């Protein structure tokens, strides 16, 4: 724990079965429990990775492999978009209601610090929560992994443009951890090399008694071995083979903001997936860019070796 630092209250919101970075973000945040008070994990469904149950199951197996299944709850969230669901969310049960109601109840808890909502997929669950109960806005800080701003296109963004614009138009504290595919200024530059994963990760993390079946088959008793399997079952397009850990980088800069550069910009608008700057807008959001990929990856591997269960 950093000296004199209170634990950071956080809810991680994930589409865990989409890629392999969500799984590493989950492990990283759980293995830093001396820094984070993870109040729960909420799930969303994006266009890849199967059903909401598939995303839930992947998050669940990672939580179990991290030894956290008795310490934390997972909540199924939205399959559809904000615009498709928003007029239903005064009903007792609707698409995403478990996750949305959990977010609201957590944000309402008396606290001296804001609850960090850390969506690393689409923004639907978060937008629905503030739509249903705008009074939570003063109690939350939203740190979202997404967007190629100022360029168009990006997976998390395009999965629910309506949720993104709704949050921008709200008064919620909103920060964007930029992806920027192919650019050294985005989280795309925070990369794990297959050779490092194969050399460093085997056996890492606590070893659990009941094996977990991975999404590619076989059984695992620790997250490190599952990490190797995930990396060995993806396609590579570069040499040496590597994959960006976008989502893990978002967790990292909440842990240590010095590992990236932040700046305030007037709130832009998103129209048909393209950003329109509004330089005269009187409200601002924060963008994070230029990530210290070396320090972030060093801390990731350190956390896998020196995991905390505070």
C-alpha atoms as a PDB file:
ATOM      1  CA  UNK A   1       0.000   0.000   0.000  1.00  0.00           C
ATOM      2  CA  UNK A   2       1.309   3.444  -0.828  1.00  0.00           C
ATOM      3  CA  UNK A   3       2.035   5.384   2.347  1.00  0.00           C
ATOM      4  CA  UNK A   4      -1.014   7.138   3.820  1.00  0.00           C
ATOM      5  CA  UNK A   5      -3.178   6.048   0.889  1.00  0.00           C
ATOM      6  CA  UNK A   6      -6.752   4.923   1.395  1.00  0.00           C
ATOM      7  CA  UNK A   7      -7.839   1.952  -0.647  1.00  0.00           C
ATOM      8  CA  UNK A   8      -9.474   2.891  -3.941  1.00  0.00           C
ATOM      9  CA  UNK A   9     -13.115   1.820  -4.029  1.00  0.00           C
ATOM     10  CA  UNK A  10     -13.791   0.314  -7.451  1.00  0.00           C
ATOM     11  CA  UNK A  11     -16.232  -1.692  -9.528  1.00  0.00           C
ATOM     12  CA  UNK A  12     -14.738  -3.320 -12.621  1.00  0.00           C
ATOM     13  CA  UNK A  13     -17.163  -3.631 -15.555  1.00  0.00           C
ATOM     14  CA  UNK A  14     -16.010  -6.156 -18.148  1.00  0.00           C
ATOM     15  CA  UNK A  15     -16.839  -8.071 -21.330  1.00  0.00           C
ATOM     16  CA  UNK A  16     -14.466 -10.760 -20.139  1.00  0.00           C
ATOM     17  CA  UNK A  17     -14.843 -13.291 -22.954  1.00  0.00           C
ATOM     18  CA  UNK A  18     -14.082 -10.893 -25.797  1.00  0.00           C
ATOM     19  CA  UNK A  19     -10.270 -10.947 -25.855  1.00  0.00           C
ATOM     20  CA  UNK A  20      -7.490 -11.758 -23.389  1.00  0.00           C
ATOM     21  CA  UNK A  21      -6.833  -8.356 -21.831  1.00  0.00           C
ATOM     22  CA  UNK A  22      -9.950  -8.389 -19.619  1.00  0.00           C
ATOM     23  CA  UNK A  23      -8.730 -11.525 -17.860  1.00  0.00           C
ATOM     24  CA  UNK A  24      -5.387  -9.920 -17.078  1.00  0.00           C
ATOM     25  CA  UNK A  25      -7.092  -6.744 -15.867  1.00  0.00           C
ATOM     26  CA  UNK A  26      -9.214  -8.819 -13.481  1.00  0.00           C
ATOM     27  CA  UNK A  27      -6.199 -10.680 -12.110  1.00  0.00           C
ATOM     28  CA  UNK A  28      -4.167  -7.480 -11.789  1.00  0.00           C
ATOM     29  CA  UNK A  29      -6.853  -5.601  -9.861  1.00  0.00           C
ATOM     30  CA  UNK A  30      -7.537  -8.547  -7.534  1.00  0.00           C
ATOM     31  CA  UNK A  31      -3.832  -9.152  -6.913  1.00  0.00           C
ATOM     32  CA  UNK A  32      -3.498  -5.477  -5.886  1.00  0.00           C
ATOM     33  CA  UNK A  33      -6.003  -5.711  -3.057  1.00  0.00           C
ATOM     34  CA  UNK A  34      -3.727  -3.605  -0.868  1.00  0.00           C
ATOM     35  CA  UNK A  35      -4.473  -0.760  -3.309  1.00  0.00           C
ATOM     36  CA  UNK A  36      -8.026  -1.522  -4.474  1.00  0.00           C
ATOM     37  CA  UNK A  37     -11.183  -2.297  -2.561  1.00  0.00           C
ATOM     38  CA  UNK A  38     -12.962  -4.164  -5.351  1.00  0.00           C
ATOM     39  CA  UNK A  39     -16.631  -3.993  -4.374  1.00  0.00           C
ATOM     40  CA  UNK A  40     -17.805  -6.210  -7.226  1.00  0.00           C
ATOM     41  CA  UNK A  41     -17.429  -7.090 -10.895  1.00  0.00           C
ATOM     42  CA  UNK A  42     -20.193  -6.310 -13.369  1.00  0.00           C
ATOM     43  CA  UNK A  43     -20.468  -7.955 -16.771  1.00  0.00           C
ATOM     44  CA  UNK A  44     -21.555  -6.662 -20.163  1.00  0.00           C
ATOM     45  CA  UNK A  45     -21.928  -8.321 -23.546  1.00  0.00           C
ATOM     46  CA  UNK A  46     -20.233  -6.913 -26.619  1.00  0.00           C
ATOM     47  CA  UNK A  47     -20.532  -8.216 -30.162  1.00  0.00           C
ATOM     48  CA  UNK A  48     -17.710 -10.760 -29.800  1.00  0.00           C
ATOM     49  CA  UNK A  49     -17.279 -13.414 -27.148  1.00  0.00           C
ATOM     50  CA  UNK A  50     -20.705 -15.022 -27.162  1.00  0.00           C
ATOM     51  CA  UNK A  51     -23.631 -14.512 -24.799  1.00  0.00           C
ATOM     52  CA  UNK A  52     -23.760 -12.641 -21.509  1.00  0.00           C
ATOM     53  CA  UNK A  53     -23.428 -16.058 -19.874  1.00  0.00           C
ATOM     54  CA  UNK A  54     -20.176 -16.671 -21.768  1.00  0.00           C
ATOM     55  CA  UNK A  55     -18.771 -13.345 -20.571  1.00  0.00           C
ATOM     56  CA  UNK A  56     -19.915 -14.073 -17.026  1.00  0.00           C
ATOM     57  CA  UNK A  57     -18.405 -17.563 -17.085  1.00  0.00           C
ATOM     58  CA  UNK A  58     -15.027 -16.262 -18.246  1.00  0.00           C
ATOM     59  CA  UNK A  59     -14.936 -13.625 -15.511  1.00  0.00           C
ATOM     60  CA  UNK A  60     -16.011 -16.253 -13.002  1.00  0.00           C
ATOM     61  CA  UNK A  61     -13.245 -18.690 -13.950  1.00  0.00           C
ATOM     62  CA  UNK A  62     -10.612 -15.937 -13.660  1.00  0.00           C
ATOM     63  CA  UNK A  63     -11.948 -14.906 -10.236  1.00  0.00           C
ATOM     64  CA  UNK A  64     -11.775 -18.544  -9.117  1.00  0.00           C
ATOM     65  CA  UNK A  65      -8.245 -18.957 -10.487  1.00  0.00           C
ATOM     66  CA  UNK A  66      -7.224 -15.875  -8.510  1.00  0.00           C
ATOM     67  CA  UNK A  67      -8.625 -17.405  -5.319  1.00  0.00           C
ATOM     68  CA  UNK A  68     -11.297 -14.744  -4.995  1.00  0.00           C
ATOM     69  CA  UNK A  69     -14.561 -16.630  -5.542  1.00  0.00           C
ATOM     70  CA  UNK A  70     -15.469 -16.405  -1.835  1.00  0.00           C
ATOM     71  CA  UNK A  71     -14.496 -12.732  -1.616  1.00  0.00           C
ATOM     72  CA  UNK A  72     -16.373 -11.040  -4.450  1.00  0.00           C
ATOM     73  CA  UNK A  73     -19.681 -11.139  -6.332  1.00  0.00           C
ATOM     74  CA  UNK A  74     -20.234 -10.958 -10.084  1.00  0.00           C
ATOM     75  CA  UNK A  75     -23.341  -9.372 -11.609  1.00  0.00           C
ATOM     76  CA  UNK A  76     -24.723  -9.885 -15.101  1.00  0.00           C
ATOM     77  CA  UNK A  77     -25.341  -6.660 -16.984  1.00  0.00           C
ATOM     78  CA  UNK A  78     -26.567  -5.409 -20.330  1.00  0.00           C
ATOM     79  CA  UNK A  79     -26.654  -7.335 -23.566  1.00  0.00           C
ATOM     80  CA  UNK A  80     -28.311  -4.541 -25.562  1.00  0.00           C
ATOM     81  CA  UNK A  81     -27.484  -0.859 -25.992  1.00  0.00           C
ATOM     82  CA  UNK A  82     -28.372   2.090 -23.793  1.00  0.00           C
ATOM     83  CA  UNK A  83     -30.971   3.387 -26.250  1.00  0.00           C
ATOM     84  CA  UNK A  84     -32.596  -0.049 -26.409  1.00  0.00           C
ATOM     85  CA  UNK A  85     -32.847  -0.408 -22.629  1.00  0.00           C
ATOM     86  CA  UNK A  86     -33.155   3.066 -21.099  1.00  0.00           C
ATOM     87  CA  UNK A  87     -36.960   3.271 -21.223  1.00  0.00           C
ATOM     88  CA  UNK A  88     -37.234  -0.054 -19.402  1.00  0.00           C
ATOM     89  CA  UNK A  89     -34.981   0.601 -16.458  1.00  0.00           C
ATOM     90  CA  UNK A  90     -37.695   1.753 -14.093  1.00  0.00           C
ATOM     91  CA  UNK A  91     -39.051  -1.793 -14.262  1.00  0.00           C
ATOM     92  CA  UNK A  92     -38.063  -4.201 -11.473  1.00  0.00           C
ATOM     93  CA  UNK A  93     -36.229  -6.480 -13.928  1.00  0.00           C
ATOM     94  CA  UNK A  94     -34.791  -5.556 -17.338  1.00  0.00           C
ATOM     95  CA  UNK A  95     -31.740  -6.231 -19.503  1.00  0.00           C
ATOM     96  CA  UNK A  96     -28.789  -5.535 -17.206  1.00  0.00           C
ATOM     97  CA  UNK A  97     -30.759  -4.849 -14.033  1.00  0.00           C
ATOM     98  CA  UNK A  98     -28.580  -6.961 -11.722  1.00  0.00           C
ATOM     99  CA  UNK A  99     -25.429  -5.033 -12.600  1.00  0.00           C
ATOM    100  CA  UNK A 100     -27.133  -1.642 -12.767  1.00  0.00           C
ATOM    101  CA  UNK A 101     -28.819  -2.039  -9.386  1.00  0.00           C
ATOM    102  CA  UNK A 102     -25.534  -3.174  -7.842  1.00  0.00           C
ATOM    103  CA  UNK A 103     -23.704  -0.133  -9.230  1.00  0.00           C
ATOM    104  CA  UNK A 104     -26.374   2.174  -7.821  1.00  0.00           C
ATOM    105  CA  UNK A 105     -26.416   0.549  -4.390  1.00  0.00           C
ATOM    106  CA  UNK A 106     -22.609   0.708  -4.156  1.00  0.00           C
ATOM    107  CA  UNK A 107     -22.531   4.355  -5.253  1.00  0.00           C
ATOM    108  CA  UNK A 108     -25.103   5.244  -2.595  1.00  0.00           C
ATOM    109  CA  UNK A 109     -22.968   3.913   0.267  1.00  0.00           C
ATOM    110  CA  UNK A 110     -21.710   6.641   2.597  1.00  0.00           C
ATOM    111  CA  UNK A 111     -18.031   7.174   1.887  1.00  0.00           C
ATOM    112  CA  UNK A 112     -15.329   9.807   2.132  1.00  0.00           C
ATOM    113  CA  UNK A 113     -14.127   8.884  -1.364  1.00  0.00           C
ATOM    114  CA  UNK A 114     -15.738   8.506  -4.750  1.00  0.00           C
ATOM    115  CA  UNK A 115     -16.503   5.076  -6.128  1.00  0.00           C
ATOM    116  CA  UNK A 116     -14.401   4.466  -9.243  1.00  0.00           C
ATOM    117  CA  UNK A 117     -16.400   2.812 -12.001  1.00  0.00           C
ATOM    118  CA  UNK A 118     -13.868   1.156 -14.282  1.00  0.00           C
ATOM    119  CA  UNK A 119     -15.606  -0.029 -17.475  1.00  0.00           C
ATOM    120  CA  UNK A 120     -13.261  -1.933 -19.796  1.00  0.00           C
ATOM    121  CA  UNK A 121     -15.944  -2.783 -22.348  1.00  0.00           C
ATOM    122  CA  UNK A 122     -18.950  -0.840 -23.570  1.00  0.00           C
ATOM    123  CA  UNK A 123     -20.440   1.840 -21.300  1.00  0.00           C
ATOM    124  CA  UNK A 124     -24.020   0.546 -21.197  1.00  0.00           C
ATOM    125  CA  UNK A 125     -24.185  -0.563 -17.551  1.00  0.00           C
ATOM    126  CA  UNK A 126     -22.726   2.749 -16.369  1.00  0.00           C
ATOM    127  CA  UNK A 127     -25.031   4.894 -18.501  1.00  0.00           C
ATOM    128  CA  UNK A 128     -28.078   2.933 -17.339  1.00  0.00           C
ATOM    129  CA  UNK A 129     -27.073   3.397 -13.702  1.00  0.00           C
ATOM    130  CA  UNK A 130     -26.829   7.176 -13.904  1.00  0.00           C
ATOM    131  CA  UNK A 131     -29.973   7.306 -16.044  1.00  0.00           C
ATOM    132  CA  UNK A 132     -31.905   5.373 -13.399  1.00  0.00           C
ATOM    133  CA  UNK A 133     -30.474   7.327 -10.466  1.00  0.00           C
ATOM    134  CA  UNK A 134     -28.776  10.618 -11.393  1.00  0.00           C
ATOM    135  CA  UNK A 135     -28.153  11.327  -7.693  1.00  0.00           C
ATOM    136  CA  UNK A 136     -25.190   8.927  -7.774  1.00  0.00           C
ATOM    137  CA  UNK A 137     -23.298  11.193 -10.179  1.00  0.00           C
ATOM    138  CA  UNK A 138     -21.661  13.175  -7.375  1.00  0.00           C
ATOM    139  CA  UNK A 139     -20.450   9.929  -5.791  1.00  0.00           C
ATOM    140  CA  UNK A 140     -18.701   8.353  -8.793  1.00  0.00           C
ATOM    141  CA  UNK A 141     -15.670   8.740 -11.017  1.00  0.00           C
ATOM    142  CA  UNK A 142     -15.868   6.935 -14.371  1.00  0.00           C
ATOM    143  CA  UNK A 143     -12.569   5.779 -15.894  1.00  0.00           C
ATOM    144  CA  UNK A 144     -13.277   4.109 -19.240  1.00  0.00           C
ATOM    145  CA  UNK A 145     -10.931   2.113 -21.448  1.00  0.00           C
ATOM    146  CA  UNK A 146     -11.961   3.014 -24.977  1.00  0.00           C
ATOM    147  CA  UNK A 147     -11.753   5.331 -28.005  1.00  0.00           C
ATOM    148  CA  UNK A 148      -9.146   6.302 -30.550  1.00  0.00           C
ATOM    149  CA  UNK A 149      -9.918  10.006 -29.964  1.00  0.00           C
ATOM    150  CA  UNK A 150      -9.586  12.187 -31.977  1.00  0.00           C
ATOM    151  CA  UNK A 151      -9.843   9.475 -34.637  1.00  0.00           C
ATOM    152  CA  UNK A 152     -13.049   7.464 -35.151  1.00  0.00           C
ATOM    153  CA  UNK A 153     -13.549   3.795 -34.529  1.00  0.00           C
ATOM    154  CA  UNK A 154     -12.727   1.593 -31.546  1.00  0.00           C
ATOM    155  CA  UNK A 155     -14.316  -1.611 -30.334  1.00  0.00           C
ATOM    156  CA  UNK A 156     -15.640  -0.547 -26.915  1.00  0.00           C
ATOM    157  CA  UNK A 157     -16.838   2.788 -28.266  1.00  0.00           C
ATOM    158  CA  UNK A 158     -18.651   1.383 -31.280  1.00  0.00           C
ATOM    159  CA  UNK A 159     -20.468  -1.253 -29.210  1.00  0.00           C
ATOM    160  CA  UNK A 160     -22.651   1.478 -27.677  1.00  0.00           C
ATOM    161  CA  UNK A 161     -22.289   5.013 -28.999  1.00  0.00           C
ATOM    162  CA  UNK A 162     -25.510   6.076 -27.290  1.00  0.00           C
ATOM    163  CA  UNK A 163     -24.135   5.215 -23.835  1.00  0.00           C
ATOM    164  CA  UNK A 164     -20.948   7.167 -24.523  1.00  0.00           C
ATOM    165  CA  UNK A 165     -22.777  10.308 -25.577  1.00  0.00           C
ATOM    166  CA  UNK A 166     -25.186  10.065 -22.643  1.00  0.00           C
ATOM    167  CA  UNK A 167     -22.292   9.969 -20.169  1.00  0.00           C
ATOM    168  CA  UNK A 168     -20.508  12.841 -21.908  1.00  0.00           C
ATOM    169  CA  UNK A 169     -23.684  14.916 -21.747  1.00  0.00           C
ATOM    170  CA  UNK A 170     -24.121  14.172 -18.049  1.00  0.00           C
ATOM    171  CA  UNK A 171     -22.233  15.970 -15.301  1.00  0.00           C
ATOM    172  CA  UNK A 172     -20.434  12.766 -14.246  1.00  0.00           C
ATOM    173  CA  UNK A 173     -16.685  12.885 -13.739  1.00  0.00           C
ATOM    174  CA  UNK A 174     -15.506  11.101 -16.888  1.00  0.00           C
ATOM    175  CA  UNK A 175     -12.030  10.009 -17.960  1.00  0.00           C
ATOM    176  CA  UNK A 176     -11.051   8.147 -21.127  1.00  0.00           C
ATOM    177  CA  UNK A 177      -8.032   5.832 -21.182  1.00  0.00           C
ATOM    178  CA  UNK A 178      -7.271   5.945 -24.887  1.00  0.00           C
ATOM    179  CA  UNK A 179      -6.733   2.859 -27.047  1.00  0.00           C
ATOM    180  CA  UNK A 180      -5.413   4.369 -30.312  1.00  0.00           C
ATOM    181  CA  UNK A 181      -4.754   1.231 -32.339  1.00  0.00           C
ATOM    182  CA  UNK A 182      -1.259   1.214 -33.823  1.00  0.00           C
ATOM    183  CA  UNK A 183      -0.170   4.387 -32.056  1.00  0.00           C
ATOM    184  CA  UNK A 184       2.571   4.653 -29.407  1.00  0.00           C
ATOM    185  CA  UNK A 185       0.424   7.168 -27.509  1.00  0.00           C
ATOM    186  CA  UNK A 186      -2.391   4.717 -26.666  1.00  0.00           C
ATOM    187  CA  UNK A 187      -2.801   1.606 -24.536  1.00  0.00           C
ATOM    188  CA  UNK A 188      -2.119  -0.358 -27.726  1.00  0.00           C
ATOM    189  CA  UNK A 189       1.545   0.253 -26.836  1.00  0.00           C
ATOM    190  CA  UNK A 190       1.216  -1.526 -23.471  1.00  0.00           C
ATOM    191  CA  UNK A 191       2.141  -4.967 -24.743  1.00  0.00           C
ATOM    192  CA  UNK A 192       2.894  -8.372 -23.329  1.00  0.00           C
ATOM    193  CA  UNK A 193       5.207 -10.510 -25.452  1.00  0.00           C
ATOM    194  CA  UNK A 194       4.373 -14.172 -25.865  1.00  0.00           C
ATOM    195  CA  UNK A 195       7.932 -15.111 -24.895  1.00  0.00           C
ATOM    196  CA  UNK A 196       7.662 -13.163 -21.627  1.00  0.00           C
ATOM    197  CA  UNK A 197       4.271 -14.689 -20.803  1.00  0.00           C
ATOM    198  CA  UNK A 198       5.635 -18.186 -21.432  1.00  0.00           C
ATOM    199  CA  UNK A 199       8.747 -17.507 -19.327  1.00  0.00           C
ATOM    200  CA  UNK A 200       7.240 -15.495 -16.452  1.00  0.00           C
ATOM    201  CA  UNK A 201       3.622 -16.527 -15.959  1.00  0.00           C
ATOM    202  CA  UNK A 202       3.647 -20.335 -15.444  1.00  0.00           C
ATOM    203  CA  UNK A 203       2.490 -21.148 -11.916  1.00  0.00           C
ATOM    204  CA  UNK A 204       1.886 -17.523 -10.936  1.00  0.00           C
ATOM    205  CA  UNK A 205      -0.822 -16.686  -8.443  1.00  0.00           C
ATOM    206  CA  UNK A 206      -2.334 -18.752  -5.644  1.00  0.00           C
ATOM    207  CA  UNK A 207      -2.905 -22.417  -6.358  1.00  0.00           C
ATOM    208  CA  UNK A 208      -6.511 -23.458  -5.822  1.00  0.00           C
ATOM    209  CA  UNK A 209      -7.783 -26.861  -4.729  1.00  0.00           C
ATOM    210  CA  UNK A 210     -10.521 -27.322  -7.331  1.00  0.00           C
ATOM    211  CA  UNK A 211      -9.303 -27.094 -10.944  1.00  0.00           C
ATOM    212  CA  UNK A 212     -11.073 -24.751 -13.368  1.00  0.00           C
ATOM    213  CA  UNK A 213     -11.781 -25.634 -16.992  1.00  0.00           C
ATOM    214  CA  UNK A 214     -10.485 -22.889 -19.294  1.00  0.00           C
ATOM    215  CA  UNK A 215     -12.355 -21.523 -22.273  1.00  0.00           C
ATOM    216  CA  UNK A 216     -10.081 -23.483 -24.617  1.00  0.00           C
ATOM    217  CA  UNK A 217     -10.387 -26.664 -22.568  1.00  0.00           C
ATOM    218  CA  UNK A 218      -7.909 -28.289 -20.165  1.00  0.00           C
ATOM    219  CA  UNK A 219      -7.906 -27.553 -16.452  1.00  0.00           C
ATOM    220  CA  UNK A 220      -5.988 -25.009 -14.396  1.00  0.00           C
ATOM    221  CA  UNK A 221      -5.247 -24.407 -10.722  1.00  0.00           C
ATOM    222  CA  UNK A 222      -3.657 -20.944 -10.989  1.00  0.00           C
ATOM    223  CA  UNK A 223      -4.074 -17.851 -13.113  1.00  0.00           C
ATOM    224  CA  UNK A 224      -0.516 -17.881 -14.449  1.00  0.00           C
ATOM    225  CA  UNK A 225      -0.972 -21.155 -16.301  1.00  0.00           C
ATOM    226  CA  UNK A 226      -4.275 -19.950 -17.712  1.00  0.00           C
ATOM    227  CA  UNK A 227      -2.604 -16.738 -18.892  1.00  0.00           C
ATOM    228  CA  UNK A 228      -0.124 -18.809 -20.899  1.00  0.00           C
ATOM    229  CA  UNK A 229      -2.977 -20.768 -22.456  1.00  0.00           C
ATOM    230  CA  UNK A 230      -4.828 -17.602 -23.433  1.00  0.00           C
ATOM    231  CA  UNK A 231      -1.722 -16.206 -25.131  1.00  0.00           C
ATOM    232  CA  UNK A 232      -1.094 -19.472 -26.940  1.00  0.00           C
ATOM    233  CA  UNK A 233      -4.595 -19.460 -28.414  1.00  0.00           C
ATOM    234  CA  UNK A 234      -4.702 -16.088 -30.178  1.00  0.00           C
ATOM    235  CA  UNK A 235      -3.514 -14.919 -33.566  1.00  0.00           C
ATOM    236  CA  UNK A 236      -0.459 -12.708 -33.870  1.00  0.00           C
ATOM    237  CA  UNK A 237       0.232 -10.151 -36.566  1.00  0.00           C
ATOM    238  CA  UNK A 238       3.615  -8.834 -35.468  1.00  0.00           C
ATOM    239  CA  UNK A 239       7.104 -10.088 -34.775  1.00  0.00           C
ATOM    240  CA  UNK A 240       8.054 -10.887 -32.083  1.00  0.00           C
ATOM    241  CA  UNK A 241       4.512 -11.986 -31.139  1.00  0.00           C
ATOM    242  CA  UNK A 242       2.777  -9.663 -28.663  1.00  0.00           C
ATOM    243  CA  UNK A 243      -0.695  -8.577 -27.588  1.00  0.00           C
ATOM    244  CA  UNK A 244      -1.795  -5.295 -26.075  1.00  0.00           C
ATOM    245  CA  UNK A 245      -3.139  -5.455 -22.511  1.00  0.00           C
ATOM    246  CA  UNK A 246      -5.397  -2.440 -23.028  1.00  0.00           C
ATOM    247  CA  UNK A 247      -7.700  -3.147 -20.091  1.00  0.00           C
ATOM    248  CA  UNK A 248      -4.931  -3.900 -17.633  1.00  0.00           C
ATOM    249  CA  UNK A 249      -3.328  -0.548 -18.481  1.00  0.00           C
ATOM    250  CA  UNK A 250      -6.533   1.225 -17.453  1.00  0.00           C
ATOM    251  CA  UNK A 251      -6.367  -0.430 -14.040  1.00  0.00           C
ATOM    252  CA  UNK A 252      -2.678   0.501 -13.804  1.00  0.00           C
ATOM    253  CA  UNK A 253      -3.188   4.239 -14.243  1.00  0.00           C
ATOM    254  CA  UNK A 254      -5.890   4.267 -11.586  1.00  0.00           C
ATOM    255  CA  UNK A 255      -3.351   2.619  -9.301  1.00  0.00           C
ATOM    256  CA  UNK A 256      -0.563   5.007 -10.284  1.00  0.00           C
ATOM    257  CA  UNK A 257      -1.515   8.075 -12.360  1.00  0.00           C
ATOM    258  CA  UNK A 258       2.152   8.885 -13.017  1.00  0.00           C
ATOM    259  CA  UNK A 259       2.260   6.014 -15.526  1.00  0.00           C
ATOM    260  CA  UNK A 260       0.440   8.109 -18.152  1.00  0.00           C
ATOM    261  CA  UNK A 261      -0.219  11.724 -19.057  1.00  0.00           C
ATOM    262  CA  UNK A 262      -3.648  13.228 -18.481  1.00  0.00           C
ATOM    263  CA  UNK A 263      -5.154  16.362 -19.941  1.00  0.00           C
ATOM    264  CA  UNK A 264      -8.505  18.108 -19.761  1.00  0.00           C
ATOM    265  CA  UNK A 265     -10.367  18.792 -22.988  1.00  0.00           C
ATOM    266  CA  UNK A 266     -13.704  20.517 -23.620  1.00  0.00           C
ATOM    267  CA  UNK A 267     -16.343  17.830 -23.934  1.00  0.00           C
ATOM    268  CA  UNK A 268     -16.555  16.706 -27.572  1.00  0.00           C
ATOM    269  CA  UNK A 269     -19.555  15.156 -29.295  1.00  0.00           C
ATOM    270  CA  UNK A 270     -19.754  11.787 -30.997  1.00  0.00           C
ATOM    271  CA  UNK A 271     -21.763  11.691 -34.253  1.00  0.00           C
ATOM    272  CA  UNK A 272     -22.049   8.439 -36.210  1.00  0.00           C
ATOM    273  CA  UNK A 273     -18.865   7.237 -34.535  1.00  0.00           C
ATOM    274  CA  UNK A 274     -16.808  10.327 -35.343  1.00  0.00           C
ATOM    275  CA  UNK A 275     -15.579  12.862 -32.810  1.00  0.00           C
ATOM    276  CA  UNK A 276     -16.591  16.509 -33.185  1.00  0.00           C
ATOM    277  CA  UNK A 277     -14.585  18.871 -31.000  1.00  0.00           C
ATOM    278  CA  UNK A 278     -16.465  21.594 -29.140  1.00  0.00           C
ATOM    279  CA  UNK A 279     -13.699  23.998 -28.076  1.00  0.00           C
ATOM    280  CA  UNK A 280     -16.152  26.432 -26.531  1.00  0.00           C
ATOM    281  CA  UNK A 281     -17.857  23.843 -24.345  1.00  0.00           C
ATOM    282  CA  UNK A 282     -17.752  24.930 -20.704  1.00  0.00           C
ATOM    283  CA  UNK A 283     -17.465  21.390 -19.304  1.00  0.00           C
ATOM    284  CA  UNK A 284     -14.463  19.100 -19.578  1.00  0.00           C
ATOM    285  CA  UNK A 285     -13.466  15.459 -19.558  1.00  0.00           C
ATOM    286  CA  UNK A 286     -10.036  13.932 -19.046  1.00  0.00           C
ATOM    287  CA  UNK A 287      -8.079  11.879 -21.561  1.00  0.00           C
ATOM    288  CA  UNK A 288      -5.152   9.612 -20.664  1.00  0.00           C
ATOM    289  CA  UNK A 289      -2.376   8.968 -23.179  1.00  0.00           C
ATOM    290  CA  UNK A 290       1.382   8.315 -23.509  1.00  0.00           C
ATOM    291  CA  UNK A 291       1.519   5.347 -21.169  1.00  0.00           C
ATOM    292  CA  UNK A 292       4.742   4.190 -19.524  1.00  0.00           C
ATOM    293  CA  UNK A 293       4.461   0.688 -20.924  1.00  0.00           C
ATOM    294  CA  UNK A 294       7.715  -0.473 -19.317  1.00  0.00           C
ATOM    295  CA  UNK A 295       6.694   0.471 -15.776  1.00  0.00           C
ATOM    296  CA  UNK A 296       3.146  -0.800 -16.246  1.00  0.00           C
ATOM    297  CA  UNK A 297       4.292  -4.195 -17.505  1.00  0.00           C
ATOM    298  CA  UNK A 298       6.950  -4.435 -14.785  1.00  0.00           C
ATOM    299  CA  UNK A 299       4.281  -3.783 -12.171  1.00  0.00           C
ATOM    300  CA  UNK A 300       1.941  -6.306 -13.761  1.00  0.00           C
ATOM    301  CA  UNK A 301       4.533  -9.084 -13.545  1.00  0.00           C
ATOM    302  CA  UNK A 302       5.521  -7.986 -10.031  1.00  0.00           C
ATOM    303  CA  UNK A 303       1.877  -8.177  -8.963  1.00  0.00           C
ATOM    304  CA  UNK A 304       1.550 -11.676 -10.400  1.00  0.00           C
ATOM    305  CA  UNK A 305       4.534 -12.774  -8.267  1.00  0.00           C
ATOM    306  CA  UNK A 306       3.694 -10.756  -5.147  1.00  0.00           C
ATOM    307  CA  UNK A 307      -0.097 -10.879  -5.049  1.00  0.00           C
ATOM    308  CA  UNK A 308      -1.891  -9.427  -2.032  1.00  0.00           C
ATOM    309  CA  UNK A 309      -4.981 -10.653  -0.223  1.00  0.00           C
ATOM    310  CA  UNK A 310      -5.509  -7.707   2.141  1.00  0.00           C
END
